[in-house]
Protein backbone atom coordinates (compact mmCIF):
# COMPACT_ATOMS: atom_id res chain seq x y z
CA UNK A 1 -0.35 -0.36 -0.33
CA UNK A 2 2.99 2.45 1.00
CA UNK A 3 4.70 1.74 -2.63
CA UNK A 4 1.11 2.79 -4.66
CA UNK A 5 1.05 5.68 -2.90
CA UNK A 6 4.54 6.50 -3.62
CA UNK A 7 4.12 5.77 -7.13
CA UNK A 8 0.87 7.99 -6.93
CA UNK A 9 3.16 11.02 -5.33
CA UNK A 10 6.00 10.41 -7.72
CA UNK A 11 3.90 10.87 -11.40
CA UNK A 12 2.16 13.77 -10.84
CA UNK A 13 5.47 15.32 -9.31
CA UNK A 14 7.55 14.22 -12.24
CA UNK A 15 4.93 15.34 -14.79
CA UNK A 16 5.19 19.11 -12.77
CA UNK A 17 9.16 19.14 -13.27
CA UNK A 18 8.81 17.97 -16.59
CA UNK A 19 6.40 20.54 -17.46
CA UNK A 20 8.65 23.31 -16.07
CA UNK A 21 11.53 21.98 -17.98
CA UNK A 22 9.60 21.60 -21.39
CA UNK A 23 8.34 24.58 -21.31
CA UNK A 24 11.63 26.59 -21.17
CA UNK A 25 11.82 24.57 -25.41
CA UNK A 26 8.31 25.08 -26.30
CA UNK A 27 5.81 28.28 -27.77
CA UNK A 28 2.67 26.92 -27.48
CA UNK A 29 0.59 24.63 -24.17
CA UNK A 30 0.15 21.77 -26.51
CA UNK A 31 3.56 21.36 -27.29
CA UNK A 32 4.72 21.94 -23.48
CA UNK A 33 2.31 18.77 -22.49
CA UNK A 34 3.08 16.62 -25.24
CA UNK A 35 6.79 16.56 -24.73
CA UNK A 36 6.52 16.93 -20.91
CA UNK A 37 4.31 13.79 -20.97
CA UNK A 38 7.07 11.94 -23.30
CA UNK A 39 9.72 13.34 -21.03
CA UNK A 40 8.12 12.30 -17.86
CA UNK A 41 7.64 8.96 -19.57
CA UNK A 42 11.56 8.16 -20.08
CA UNK A 43 11.68 9.33 -16.38
CA UNK A 44 9.66 6.40 -15.13
CA UNK A 45 11.21 4.16 -17.35
CA UNK A 46 14.80 4.98 -16.06
CA UNK A 47 13.59 5.28 -12.58
CA UNK A 48 12.14 1.45 -12.99
CA UNK A 49 15.63 0.53 -14.99
CA UNK A 50 17.35 2.20 -12.01
CA UNK A 51 15.48 0.15 -9.30
CA UNK A 52 15.74 -2.86 -11.15
CA UNK A 53 19.37 -2.70 -11.13
CA UNK A 54 19.67 -1.43 -7.42
CA UNK A 55 17.69 -4.24 -6.69
CA UNK A 56 20.29 -6.76 -8.74
CA UNK A 57 22.94 -5.35 -7.24
CA UNK A 58 21.62 -6.08 -3.46
CA UNK A 59 20.82 -9.81 -4.43
CA UNK A 60 24.58 -9.90 -5.63
CA UNK A 61 26.17 -8.76 -2.61
CA UNK A 62 24.32 -9.14 0.16
CA UNK A 63 22.40 -11.93 -0.80
CA UNK A 64 18.82 -13.12 -0.60
């Protein structure tokens, strides 16, 4: 349940950060939102990859 809450907080926060970042490069709101959604998706994929890598390192060095 706590993981679900963390994900529910993480995704909107990432989207808002991406909105600010992409707003610096685009003129219209439609372009900005579209780019922010894509950027949020990329960041979520990277976060997933990093979490899996951390879990793998944890299993290798600490064990089950």
